[in-house]
């Protein structure tokens, strides 16, 4: 019997596989939107010569020429890197020939990450395992409750209800270095932080809701070959009827 609807949204990345051009084949009954909100600082230039001056001192065999050079480096800040940017990154990693269908969005059922249509429940196509996750520690608080119904005909037990919160430290990695990408560049970065996982399931019901938020996270690596620092959060909110017993 499953205890948690949302073990971790990031574990879904590790299980996903990408099949470009696949048609919708499944309608999800327990699913919800994923919101990715990142700020990214990238290296723009490194040690670029910005100025040079020359002077001369001494005479004859004591003559000296002094050359003064100044080199500067710079960064570029992108304050809004969200779902649309992530979809474009995936598209490039997989070298897709066409864009995702209009209205495609990120969603999760708490076990897998999906690309769904604008209705939010129909799978557009599966997603590649370019992203993996490691969970280092998890702390749990909350309640689990059930009910037994005893009759002359026998005893039945209702599906347990849950009110549960987990706090866990997670490390997410995105790596397409083994793939042939659309523009020839590669992306390889990690994103880590403390995730808060909240579950709410009614007694005797398969209907529930869950929220996972990895906030105040940070990471680093390269995005399309450019050195990058990442901060921000990822949130998933699946809801509905969970049929995965």
Protein backbone atom coordinates (compact mmCIF):
# COMPACT_ATOMS: atom_id res chain seq x y z
CA UNK A 1 0.00 0.00 0.00
CA UNK A 2 1.42 3.34 -1.02
CA UNK A 3 2.02 5.83 1.76
CA UNK A 4 2.82 8.99 -0.15
CA UNK A 5 1.29 10.33 -3.32
CA UNK A 6 4.26 12.59 -3.96
CA UNK A 7 7.53 10.87 -3.08
CA UNK A 8 9.44 13.63 -4.84
CA UNK A 9 8.80 15.47 -8.04
CA UNK A 10 12.49 15.30 -8.84
CA UNK A 11 12.51 11.52 -8.72
CA UNK A 12 10.13 11.72 -11.68
CA UNK A 13 12.90 13.31 -13.73
CA UNK A 14 15.11 10.32 -13.10
CA UNK A 15 12.41 7.92 -14.34
CA UNK A 16 11.39 9.84 -17.44
CA UNK A 17 12.33 8.95 -21.01
CA UNK A 18 12.06 11.10 -24.12
CA UNK A 19 10.42 9.88 -27.28
CA UNK A 20 10.15 12.70 -29.79
CA UNK A 21 6.92 12.97 -31.70
CA UNK A 22 4.95 10.48 -29.61
CA UNK A 23 1.19 10.99 -29.73
CA UNK A 24 -0.98 11.32 -26.60
CA UNK A 25 -1.71 7.82 -25.31
CA UNK A 26 -2.73 8.27 -21.69
CA UNK A 27 -5.15 10.44 -19.75
CA UNK A 28 -3.94 11.09 -16.21
CA UNK A 29 -6.39 11.18 -13.32
CA UNK A 30 -3.91 12.32 -10.66
CA UNK A 31 -1.79 15.14 -12.01
CA UNK A 32 -1.06 18.81 -11.53
CA UNK A 33 1.04 21.66 -12.84
CA UNK A 34 4.75 22.13 -12.29
CA UNK A 35 6.08 25.65 -11.84
CA UNK A 36 9.78 26.26 -12.33
CA UNK A 37 11.05 29.69 -11.28
CA UNK A 38 14.77 30.25 -11.64
CA UNK A 39 17.16 33.16 -11.86
CA UNK A 40 20.33 32.45 -13.80
CA UNK A 41 23.62 34.33 -13.90
CA UNK A 42 25.88 33.41 -16.80
CA UNK A 43 29.45 34.18 -17.70
CA UNK A 44 29.30 36.69 -20.57
CA UNK A 45 33.00 37.45 -21.14
CA UNK A 46 36.25 36.31 -19.53
CA UNK A 47 39.54 38.27 -19.46
CA UNK A 48 38.78 40.51 -22.41
CA UNK A 49 41.42 43.18 -23.09
CA UNK A 50 39.74 46.51 -22.40
CA UNK A 51 42.66 48.97 -22.44
CA UNK A 52 46.41 49.20 -22.99
CA UNK A 53 48.83 52.05 -22.31
CA UNK A 54 52.58 52.38 -22.81
CA UNK A 55 55.27 54.61 -21.34
CA UNK A 56 59.06 54.79 -21.53
CA UNK A 57 61.60 55.48 -18.82
CA UNK A 58 65.39 55.73 -18.78
CA UNK A 59 67.78 56.19 -21.67
CA UNK A 60 70.32 54.14 -23.57
CA UNK A 61 71.01 50.78 -22.05
CA UNK A 62 68.76 51.77 -19.13
CA UNK A 63 65.73 52.36 -21.35
CA UNK A 64 62.57 50.60 -20.18
CA UNK A 65 59.23 50.24 -21.93
CA UNK A 66 56.25 49.68 -19.64
CA UNK A 67 53.03 48.20 -21.07
CA UNK A 68 49.93 48.37 -18.85
CA UNK A 69 47.04 46.09 -19.83
CA UNK A 70 43.58 45.80 -18.27
CA UNK A 71 41.46 42.68 -18.75
CA UNK A 72 37.82 42.55 -17.71
CA UNK A 73 35.25 39.80 -17.21
CA UNK A 74 31.47 40.22 -17.12
CA UNK A 75 28.28 38.31 -16.31
CA UNK A 76 24.72 38.42 -17.64
CA UNK A 77 21.69 38.00 -15.38
CA UNK A 78 18.44 36.33 -16.45
CA UNK A 79 15.91 36.97 -13.69
CA UNK A 80 13.15 34.83 -15.24
CA UNK A 81 13.94 31.29 -16.36
CA UNK A 82 10.70 29.31 -16.22
CA UNK A 83 8.74 26.49 -17.78
CA UNK A 84 8.96 27.83 -21.33
CA UNK A 85 12.75 28.09 -21.09
CA UNK A 86 12.97 24.58 -19.67
CA UNK A 87 10.90 23.20 -22.57
CA UNK A 88 13.20 24.92 -25.05
CA UNK A 89 16.21 23.45 -23.25
CA UNK A 90 14.71 19.96 -23.46
CA UNK A 91 13.89 20.48 -27.13
CA UNK A 92 17.50 21.40 -27.84
CA UNK A 93 18.88 18.54 -25.75
CA UNK A 94 16.80 16.07 -27.76
CA UNK A 95 17.41 17.77 -31.11
CA UNK A 96 13.69 17.84 -31.88
CA UNK A 97 12.84 18.71 -35.48
CA UNK A 98 9.65 20.53 -34.51
CA UNK A 99 8.42 22.43 -31.46
CA UNK A 100 6.24 20.80 -28.83
CA UNK A 101 2.51 21.09 -29.67
CA UNK A 102 0.90 24.41 -28.73
CA UNK A 103 -0.23 24.44 -25.10
CA UNK A 104 2.25 21.78 -23.96
CA UNK A 105 3.03 22.15 -20.27
CA UNK A 106 4.98 20.47 -17.49
CA UNK A 107 2.96 18.38 -15.06
CA UNK A 108 3.49 15.69 -12.41
CA UNK A 109 1.50 12.93 -10.74
CA UNK A 110 4.06 12.82 -7.94
CA UNK A 111 5.88 9.86 -9.44
CA UNK A 112 6.70 11.02 -12.97
CA UNK A 113 7.15 14.27 -14.84
CA UNK A 114 4.99 14.65 -17.95
CA UNK A 115 4.53 16.90 -20.92
CA UNK A 116 0.76 17.29 -21.17
CA UNK A 117 -1.59 19.18 -23.46
CA UNK A 118 -3.44 22.36 -22.51
CA UNK A 119 -6.11 20.35 -20.68
CA UNK A 120 -3.42 19.34 -18.20
CA UNK A 121 -4.29 15.63 -18.22
CA UNK A 122 -3.43 14.17 -21.63
CA UNK A 123 0.19 13.15 -22.19
CA UNK A 124 1.73 14.76 -25.26
CA UNK A 125 4.93 12.69 -25.11
CA UNK A 126 7.29 11.21 -22.55
CA UNK A 127 10.43 13.04 -21.43
CA UNK A 128 14.07 11.99 -21.56
CA UNK A 129 16.09 10.95 -18.54
CA UNK A 130 18.55 13.76 -18.95
CA UNK A 131 17.72 14.68 -15.35
CA UNK A 132 18.41 12.55 -12.27
CA UNK A 133 17.98 13.12 -8.55
CA UNK A 134 19.58 12.07 -5.31
CA UNK A 135 17.80 12.29 -1.95
CA UNK A 136 20.27 12.49 0.91
CA UNK A 137 18.11 12.87 4.02
CA UNK A 138 14.40 12.99 4.81
CA UNK A 139 12.55 14.04 7.97
CA UNK A 140 8.84 13.22 8.38
CA UNK A 141 5.98 14.46 10.54
CA UNK A 142 2.23 13.92 10.39
CA UNK A 143 -0.49 11.32 10.86
CA UNK A 144 -1.75 8.16 9.19
CA UNK A 145 -5.26 6.97 10.10
CA UNK A 146 -7.48 4.10 9.02
CA UNK A 147 -10.84 2.54 9.90
CA UNK A 148 -11.93 -1.07 10.28
CA UNK A 149 -15.57 -1.98 9.67
CA UNK A 150 -16.60 -5.14 11.50
CA UNK A 151 -19.80 -6.92 10.42
CA UNK A 152 -21.22 -10.40 10.79
CA UNK A 153 -20.16 -11.01 7.20
CA UNK A 154 -16.56 -10.06 7.89
CA UNK A 155 -14.13 -7.22 8.51
CA UNK A 156 -13.06 -4.63 5.96
CA UNK A 157 -10.48 -1.89 6.29
CA UNK A 158 -10.88 1.45 4.57
CA UNK A 159 -8.02 2.92 2.60
CA UNK A 160 -5.87 4.90 5.05
CA UNK A 161 -5.89 8.66 5.16
CA UNK A 162 -2.75 10.77 5.45
CA UNK A 163 -1.72 14.16 6.64
CA UNK A 164 1.99 14.11 6.10
CA UNK A 165 4.91 16.50 5.66
CA UNK A 166 8.43 15.57 4.65
CA UNK A 167 11.51 17.77 4.67
CA UNK A 168 14.28 16.43 2.47
CA UNK A 169 17.61 17.47 0.99
CA UNK A 170 17.78 16.80 -2.74
CA UNK A 171 20.25 17.12 -5.57
CA UNK A 172 19.00 17.34 -9.17
CA UNK A 173 21.27 16.90 -12.17
CA UNK A 174 20.59 17.79 -15.81
CA UNK A 175 23.03 16.32 -18.30
CA UNK A 176 22.70 15.96 -22.08
CA UNK A 177 26.43 15.53 -22.74
CA UNK A 178 25.91 12.08 -24.25
CA UNK A 179 23.28 13.33 -26.72
CA UNK A 180 23.50 14.98 -30.11
CA UNK A 181 21.80 18.30 -29.41
CA UNK A 182 19.99 20.63 -31.76
CA UNK A 183 22.57 23.42 -31.82
CA UNK A 184 25.63 21.35 -30.93
CA UNK A 185 26.00 22.82 -27.43
CA UNK A 186 25.57 20.80 -24.25
CA UNK A 187 23.93 21.41 -20.89
CA UNK A 188 25.17 19.94 -17.63
CA UNK A 189 24.22 21.44 -14.26
CA UNK A 190 23.02 20.54 -10.77
CA UNK A 191 20.33 22.15 -8.63
CA UNK A 192 20.10 21.41 -4.93
CA UNK A 193 18.11 22.55 -1.91
CA UNK A 194 15.68 21.66 0.85
CA UNK A 195 12.34 20.34 -0.41
CA UNK A 196 9.08 20.44 1.54
CA UNK A 197 6.60 17.71 0.63
CA UNK A 198 2.98 17.91 1.86
CA UNK A 199 0.36 15.15 1.35
CA UNK A 200 -3.37 15.22 2.12
CA UNK A 201 -5.51 12.12 1.47
CA UNK A 202 -8.98 11.50 2.88
CA UNK A 203 -9.83 8.32 4.79
CA UNK A 204 -11.32 5.68 2.55
CA UNK A 205 -10.63 7.62 -0.62
CA UNK A 206 -8.13 7.54 -3.44
CA UNK A 207 -8.71 11.24 -3.97
CA UNK A 208 -5.93 13.43 -2.67
CA UNK A 209 -3.63 16.34 -3.25
CA UNK A 210 0.05 16.96 -2.72
CA UNK A 211 2.51 19.82 -2.97
CA UNK A 212 6.27 19.66 -3.34
CA UNK A 213 8.32 22.85 -3.14
CA UNK A 214 12.06 23.01 -3.51
CA UNK A 215 12.72 26.61 -2.54
CA UNK A 216 15.80 28.68 -1.85
CA UNK A 217 17.66 26.21 -4.02
CA UNK A 218 20.85 26.80 -5.92
CA UNK A 219 23.10 25.17 -8.44
CA UNK A 220 25.79 25.59 -11.06
CA UNK A 221 27.11 24.16 -14.30
CA UNK A 222 26.78 24.96 -17.96
CA UNK A 223 23.67 25.77 -19.98
CA UNK A 224 24.20 25.42 -23.72
CA UNK A 225 27.91 25.51 -23.08
CA UNK A 226 27.87 28.70 -20.96
CA UNK A 227 28.96 28.67 -17.29
CA UNK A 228 25.91 29.39 -15.13
CA UNK A 229 24.81 29.88 -11.51
CA UNK A 230 21.16 29.03 -10.69
CA UNK A 231 18.87 30.08 -7.84
CA UNK A 232 15.13 29.70 -7.37
CA UNK A 233 12.44 27.07 -6.80
CA UNK A 234 10.40 24.26 -8.34
CA UNK A 235 6.82 23.50 -7.25
CA UNK A 236 4.51 20.62 -8.22
CA UNK A 237 0.81 20.31 -7.27
CA UNK A 238 -0.79 17.02 -8.34
CA UNK A 239 -4.43 16.43 -7.41
CA UNK A 240 -7.33 14.15 -8.28
CA UNK A 241 -7.82 10.39 -8.07
CA UNK A 242 -4.70 8.33 -7.59
CA UNK A 243 -5.20 4.93 -9.23
CA UNK A 244 -1.67 3.62 -8.57
CA UNK A 245 -2.18 1.35 -5.59
